[in-house]
Amino acid sequence: MHGYGRILLHKVNDHQEECLNILQEECSEVIQAASKVKRFGILNRKPGAELNNLQNLEMEIGDVLAMIELCKQAGIGLTDEGLERAKQDKFERLSEHMHTWSETQHVD
C-alpha cells in the first residue's frame, strides 16, 4: 500500500471523514461528466448550461484534484511520493493491458 509512512491506521477524524466524503462525491461527478462526453460529444452543451461537456469534465477533474490536495493536508496519510508511485504503476499496467495504448505514448 502506498503512502502510509508512520500513520497509525485508526478511524479517521471528523475533518478527514468530511474530506473523504467530498472526494467520493467529486469522483462520482467525474463519472457522470465522462459519461456525458461519451454519450453526447465533447463540445455538446446541455440547454442553458454555461460549459460544454469537455469544460465540465475539466472542472470536475479539477474538483477531484483539489480534494486530493485537501485529503493530503488532512493527515490521512496520502503523500506526493505515494501518489506518484501509484500513478507510475498504473501507467505500467495500462501499457501492458490497454488496447489503445501506443508504444510511443509518453506520460509524466
N, C-alpha and C. Protein backbone atom coordinates (compact mmCIF):
# COMPACT_ATOMS: atom_id res chain seq x y z
N MET A 1 0.84 -1.18 0.00
CA MET A 1 0.00 0.00 0.00
C MET A 1 0.88 1.23 0.00
N HIS A 2 0.44 2.21 -0.74
CA HIS A 2 1.24 3.41 -0.91
C HIS A 2 0.89 4.48 0.14
N GLY A 3 1.88 5.25 0.52
CA GLY A 3 1.66 6.50 1.21
C GLY A 3 1.37 6.45 2.70
N TYR A 4 1.56 5.33 3.39
CA TYR A 4 1.20 5.30 4.80
C TYR A 4 2.28 5.83 5.72
N GLY A 5 3.54 5.60 5.40
CA GLY A 5 4.59 6.09 6.28
C GLY A 5 4.37 5.60 7.70
N ARG A 6 4.37 6.53 8.66
CA ARG A 6 4.19 6.18 10.07
C ARG A 6 2.78 6.50 10.57
N ILE A 7 1.85 6.66 9.67
CA ILE A 7 0.48 6.98 10.07
C ILE A 7 -0.13 5.77 10.78
N LEU A 8 -0.75 6.02 11.92
CA LEU A 8 -1.47 4.96 12.61
C LEU A 8 -2.79 4.72 11.89
N LEU A 9 -3.12 3.47 11.64
CA LEU A 9 -4.31 3.15 10.87
C LEU A 9 -5.52 3.01 11.79
N HIS A 10 -5.95 4.14 12.33
CA HIS A 10 -7.12 4.18 13.20
C HIS A 10 -8.25 4.85 12.44
N LYS A 11 -9.38 4.94 13.08
CA LYS A 11 -10.54 5.60 12.49
C LYS A 11 -10.19 7.06 12.16
N VAL A 12 -10.74 7.53 11.07
CA VAL A 12 -10.49 8.90 10.65
C VAL A 12 -11.25 9.87 11.55
N ASN A 13 -10.72 11.08 11.67
CA ASN A 13 -11.40 12.11 12.45
C ASN A 13 -12.49 12.77 11.60
N ASP A 14 -13.23 13.69 12.19
CA ASP A 14 -14.37 14.32 11.50
C ASP A 14 -13.94 15.06 10.24
N HIS A 15 -12.83 15.80 10.32
CA HIS A 15 -12.36 16.55 9.15
C HIS A 15 -11.92 15.60 8.04
N GLN A 16 -11.19 14.56 8.39
CA GLN A 16 -10.76 13.58 7.40
C GLN A 16 -11.95 12.90 6.74
N GLU A 17 -12.94 12.55 7.55
CA GLU A 17 -14.15 11.92 7.01
C GLU A 17 -14.86 12.85 6.05
N GLU A 18 -14.97 14.12 6.40
CA GLU A 18 -15.62 15.08 5.51
C GLU A 18 -14.85 15.21 4.20
N CYS A 19 -13.53 15.28 4.29
CA CYS A 19 -12.71 15.35 3.07
C CYS A 19 -12.93 14.12 2.20
N LEU A 20 -12.96 12.94 2.80
CA LEU A 20 -13.18 11.71 2.04
C LEU A 20 -14.58 11.65 1.45
N ASN A 21 -15.58 12.13 2.19
CA ASN A 21 -16.95 12.16 1.66
C ASN A 21 -17.05 13.05 0.43
N ILE A 22 -16.44 14.23 0.52
CA ILE A 22 -16.48 15.16 -0.62
C ILE A 22 -15.69 14.59 -1.78
N LEU A 23 -14.54 13.94 -1.51
CA LEU A 23 -13.77 13.29 -2.57
C LEU A 23 -14.63 12.26 -3.29
N GLN A 24 -15.37 11.44 -2.54
CA GLN A 24 -16.26 10.46 -3.15
C GLN A 24 -17.28 11.13 -4.05
N GLU A 25 -17.89 12.20 -3.56
CA GLU A 25 -18.90 12.91 -4.34
C GLU A 25 -18.30 13.46 -5.63
N GLU A 26 -17.12 14.04 -5.52
CA GLU A 26 -16.47 14.62 -6.70
C GLU A 26 -16.11 13.53 -7.71
N CYS A 27 -15.65 12.38 -7.23
CA CYS A 27 -15.34 11.27 -8.14
C CYS A 27 -16.58 10.82 -8.90
N SER A 28 -17.72 10.79 -8.23
CA SER A 28 -18.95 10.39 -8.92
C SER A 28 -19.35 11.43 -9.96
N GLU A 29 -19.03 12.69 -9.71
CA GLU A 29 -19.33 13.74 -10.69
C GLU A 29 -18.41 13.63 -11.91
N VAL A 30 -17.17 13.16 -11.72
CA VAL A 30 -16.29 12.89 -12.87
C VAL A 30 -16.89 11.77 -13.72
N ILE A 31 -17.39 10.73 -13.07
CA ILE A 31 -18.00 9.62 -13.80
C ILE A 31 -19.16 10.13 -14.64
N GLN A 32 -20.00 10.96 -14.06
CA GLN A 32 -21.15 11.49 -14.79
C GLN A 32 -20.69 12.38 -15.95
N ALA A 33 -19.69 13.23 -15.73
CA ALA A 33 -19.21 14.13 -16.78
C ALA A 33 -18.58 13.33 -17.92
N ALA A 34 -17.81 12.29 -17.60
CA ALA A 34 -17.21 11.46 -18.64
C ALA A 34 -18.29 10.75 -19.45
N SER A 35 -19.32 10.31 -18.78
CA SER A 35 -20.44 9.66 -19.45
C SER A 35 -21.13 10.61 -20.43
N LYS A 36 -21.29 11.86 -20.04
CA LYS A 36 -21.91 12.86 -20.93
C LYS A 36 -21.06 13.10 -22.17
N VAL A 37 -19.73 13.15 -22.01
CA VAL A 37 -18.84 13.31 -23.17
C VAL A 37 -19.04 12.14 -24.13
N LYS A 38 -19.07 10.93 -23.60
CA LYS A 38 -19.23 9.73 -24.44
C LYS A 38 -20.60 9.70 -25.12
N ARG A 39 -21.64 10.06 -24.39
CA ARG A 39 -23.00 9.96 -24.93
C ARG A 39 -23.34 11.08 -25.89
N PHE A 40 -22.92 12.30 -25.57
CA PHE A 40 -23.41 13.46 -26.31
C PHE A 40 -22.34 14.23 -27.06
N GLY A 41 -21.06 13.88 -26.88
CA GLY A 41 -19.99 14.56 -27.59
C GLY A 41 -19.25 15.56 -26.74
N ILE A 42 -18.05 15.85 -27.18
CA ILE A 42 -17.14 16.72 -26.42
C ILE A 42 -17.66 18.15 -26.33
N LEU A 43 -18.11 18.68 -27.44
CA LEU A 43 -18.47 20.10 -27.48
C LEU A 43 -19.95 20.35 -27.24
N ASN A 44 -20.74 19.31 -27.08
CA ASN A 44 -22.17 19.49 -26.82
C ASN A 44 -22.36 20.20 -25.49
N ARG A 45 -23.42 20.96 -25.43
CA ARG A 45 -23.73 21.72 -24.22
C ARG A 45 -25.20 21.47 -23.89
N LYS A 46 -25.47 21.12 -22.64
CA LYS A 46 -26.85 20.95 -22.21
C LYS A 46 -27.56 22.30 -22.36
N PRO A 47 -28.81 22.32 -22.83
CA PRO A 47 -29.53 23.60 -22.98
C PRO A 47 -29.50 24.41 -21.68
N GLY A 48 -29.07 25.65 -21.82
CA GLY A 48 -28.98 26.54 -20.68
C GLY A 48 -27.69 26.43 -19.88
N ALA A 49 -26.84 25.45 -20.23
CA ALA A 49 -25.58 25.26 -19.49
C ALA A 49 -24.53 26.24 -20.00
N GLU A 50 -23.70 26.69 -19.09
CA GLU A 50 -22.62 27.62 -19.44
C GLU A 50 -21.44 26.88 -20.08
N LEU A 51 -21.17 25.65 -19.62
CA LEU A 51 -20.00 24.90 -20.06
C LEU A 51 -20.40 23.79 -21.02
N ASN A 52 -19.50 23.52 -21.98
CA ASN A 52 -19.72 22.34 -22.82
C ASN A 52 -19.23 21.11 -22.05
N ASN A 53 -19.45 19.93 -22.63
CA ASN A 53 -19.13 18.70 -21.91
C ASN A 53 -17.66 18.58 -21.56
N LEU A 54 -16.76 19.00 -22.44
CA LEU A 54 -15.33 18.94 -22.15
C LEU A 54 -14.97 19.88 -21.00
N GLN A 55 -15.48 21.10 -21.06
CA GLN A 55 -15.21 22.06 -19.98
C GLN A 55 -15.75 21.56 -18.65
N ASN A 56 -16.92 20.92 -18.68
CA ASN A 56 -17.49 20.38 -17.45
C ASN A 56 -16.62 19.25 -16.91
N LEU A 57 -16.13 18.38 -17.81
CA LEU A 57 -15.25 17.29 -17.39
C LEU A 57 -13.98 17.85 -16.76
N GLU A 58 -13.40 18.88 -17.38
CA GLU A 58 -12.20 19.52 -16.81
C GLU A 58 -12.49 20.07 -15.42
N MET A 59 -13.63 20.73 -15.27
CA MET A 59 -13.98 21.30 -13.98
C MET A 59 -14.12 20.21 -12.92
N GLU A 60 -14.78 19.12 -13.27
CA GLU A 60 -14.99 18.05 -12.30
C GLU A 60 -13.67 17.36 -11.94
N ILE A 61 -12.80 17.16 -12.92
CA ILE A 61 -11.48 16.57 -12.61
C ILE A 61 -10.69 17.53 -11.73
N GLY A 62 -10.78 18.82 -12.00
CA GLY A 62 -10.12 19.81 -11.14
C GLY A 62 -10.63 19.75 -9.72
N ASP A 63 -11.95 19.53 -9.57
CA ASP A 63 -12.51 19.40 -8.22
C ASP A 63 -11.93 18.19 -7.50
N VAL A 64 -11.75 17.07 -8.22
CA VAL A 64 -11.14 15.88 -7.62
C VAL A 64 -9.70 16.17 -7.21
N LEU A 65 -8.95 16.83 -8.09
CA LEU A 65 -7.57 17.16 -7.76
C LEU A 65 -7.49 18.05 -6.52
N ALA A 66 -8.43 19.00 -6.40
CA ALA A 66 -8.46 19.86 -5.22
C ALA A 66 -8.73 19.04 -3.97
N MET A 67 -9.65 18.09 -4.07
CA MET A 67 -9.97 17.27 -2.90
C MET A 67 -8.83 16.32 -2.54
N ILE A 68 -8.08 15.87 -3.53
CA ILE A 68 -6.90 15.05 -3.24
C ILE A 68 -5.91 15.88 -2.42
N GLU A 69 -5.71 17.13 -2.81
CA GLU A 69 -4.82 18.01 -2.04
C GLU A 69 -5.32 18.18 -0.61
N LEU A 70 -6.62 18.40 -0.46
CA LEU A 70 -7.16 18.57 0.89
C LEU A 70 -7.04 17.29 1.71
N CYS A 71 -7.21 16.14 1.07
CA CYS A 71 -7.03 14.87 1.77
C CYS A 71 -5.58 14.70 2.21
N LYS A 72 -4.63 15.11 1.38
CA LYS A 72 -3.22 15.05 1.79
C LYS A 72 -2.98 15.94 3.00
N GLN A 73 -3.53 17.14 2.96
CA GLN A 73 -3.33 18.08 4.06
C GLN A 73 -4.05 17.65 5.34
N ALA A 74 -5.09 16.84 5.21
CA ALA A 74 -5.88 16.42 6.36
C ALA A 74 -5.20 15.36 7.21
N GLY A 75 -4.06 14.87 6.75
CA GLY A 75 -3.32 13.90 7.55
C GLY A 75 -3.83 12.48 7.44
N ILE A 76 -4.48 12.17 6.35
CA ILE A 76 -4.99 10.81 6.15
C ILE A 76 -3.84 9.83 5.91
N GLY A 77 -2.75 10.36 5.36
CA GLY A 77 -1.59 9.52 5.08
C GLY A 77 -1.19 9.52 3.62
N LEU A 78 -1.95 10.22 2.78
CA LEU A 78 -1.58 10.33 1.37
C LEU A 78 -0.34 11.22 1.25
N THR A 79 0.59 10.80 0.38
CA THR A 79 1.79 11.60 0.14
C THR A 79 1.98 11.80 -1.35
N ASP A 80 2.70 12.85 -1.71
CA ASP A 80 3.02 13.06 -3.13
C ASP A 80 3.79 11.87 -3.68
N GLU A 81 4.73 11.36 -2.89
CA GLU A 81 5.54 10.23 -3.34
C GLU A 81 4.69 8.98 -3.55
N GLY A 82 3.80 8.70 -2.63
CA GLY A 82 2.92 7.53 -2.76
C GLY A 82 1.99 7.65 -3.93
N LEU A 83 1.44 8.86 -4.15
CA LEU A 83 0.54 9.06 -5.28
C LEU A 83 1.29 8.97 -6.61
N GLU A 84 2.49 9.52 -6.65
CA GLU A 84 3.29 9.44 -7.88
C GLU A 84 3.66 8.00 -8.19
N ARG A 85 4.04 7.25 -7.18
CA ARG A 85 4.37 5.84 -7.37
C ARG A 85 3.14 5.07 -7.89
N ALA A 86 1.98 5.33 -7.30
CA ALA A 86 0.75 4.68 -7.74
C ALA A 86 0.41 5.05 -9.17
N LYS A 87 0.63 6.32 -9.53
CA LYS A 87 0.36 6.77 -10.89
C LYS A 87 1.28 6.07 -11.88
N GLN A 88 2.57 5.99 -11.56
CA GLN A 88 3.52 5.31 -12.45
C GLN A 88 3.20 3.82 -12.58
N ASP A 89 2.80 3.20 -11.47
CA ASP A 89 2.38 1.79 -11.52
C ASP A 89 1.19 1.61 -12.45
N LYS A 90 0.24 2.55 -12.39
CA LYS A 90 -0.94 2.47 -13.27
C LYS A 90 -0.53 2.61 -14.73
N PHE A 91 0.37 3.55 -15.03
CA PHE A 91 0.83 3.69 -16.40
C PHE A 91 1.47 2.40 -16.90
N GLU A 92 2.22 1.76 -16.04
CA GLU A 92 2.86 0.49 -16.42
C GLU A 92 1.81 -0.57 -16.73
N ARG A 93 0.80 -0.67 -15.87
CA ARG A 93 -0.26 -1.66 -16.11
C ARG A 93 -1.04 -1.32 -17.38
N LEU A 94 -1.30 -0.04 -17.60
CA LEU A 94 -2.02 0.36 -18.81
C LEU A 94 -1.23 0.04 -20.06
N SER A 95 0.08 0.23 -20.00
CA SER A 95 0.91 -0.05 -21.18
C SER A 95 0.87 -1.52 -21.55
N GLU A 96 0.58 -2.38 -20.59
CA GLU A 96 0.52 -3.82 -20.84
C GLU A 96 -0.88 -4.29 -21.24
N HIS A 97 -1.92 -3.60 -20.77
CA HIS A 97 -3.27 -4.14 -20.92
C HIS A 97 -4.25 -3.25 -21.68
N MET A 98 -3.93 -1.97 -21.88
CA MET A 98 -4.87 -1.07 -22.55
C MET A 98 -4.75 -1.26 -24.06
N HIS A 99 -5.85 -1.61 -24.70
CA HIS A 99 -5.85 -1.94 -26.12
C HIS A 99 -5.39 -0.79 -27.01
N THR A 100 -5.70 0.44 -26.63
CA THR A 100 -5.36 1.58 -27.48
C THR A 100 -4.07 2.29 -27.05
N TRP A 101 -3.33 1.70 -26.10
CA TRP A 101 -2.08 2.30 -25.64
C TRP A 101 -1.05 2.23 -26.76
N SER A 102 -0.38 3.33 -27.02
CA SER A 102 0.63 3.39 -28.07
C SER A 102 2.01 3.12 -27.49
N GLU A 103 2.81 2.41 -28.23
CA GLU A 103 4.20 2.15 -27.80
C GLU A 103 4.96 3.46 -27.58
N THR A 104 4.57 4.51 -28.31
CA THR A 104 5.29 5.77 -28.22
C THR A 104 4.64 6.75 -27.26
N GLN A 105 3.63 6.30 -26.54
CA GLN A 105 2.90 7.17 -25.60
C GLN A 105 3.85 7.60 -24.48
N HIS A 106 3.87 8.89 -24.22
CA HIS A 106 4.71 9.43 -23.15
C HIS A 106 3.81 10.06 -22.10
N VAL A 107 4.07 9.74 -20.85
CA VAL A 107 3.31 10.35 -19.76
C VAL A 107 4.29 10.78 -18.68
N ASP A 108 3.92 11.85 -17.99
CA ASP A 108 4.76 12.36 -16.90
C ASP A 108 4.29 11.81 -15.58
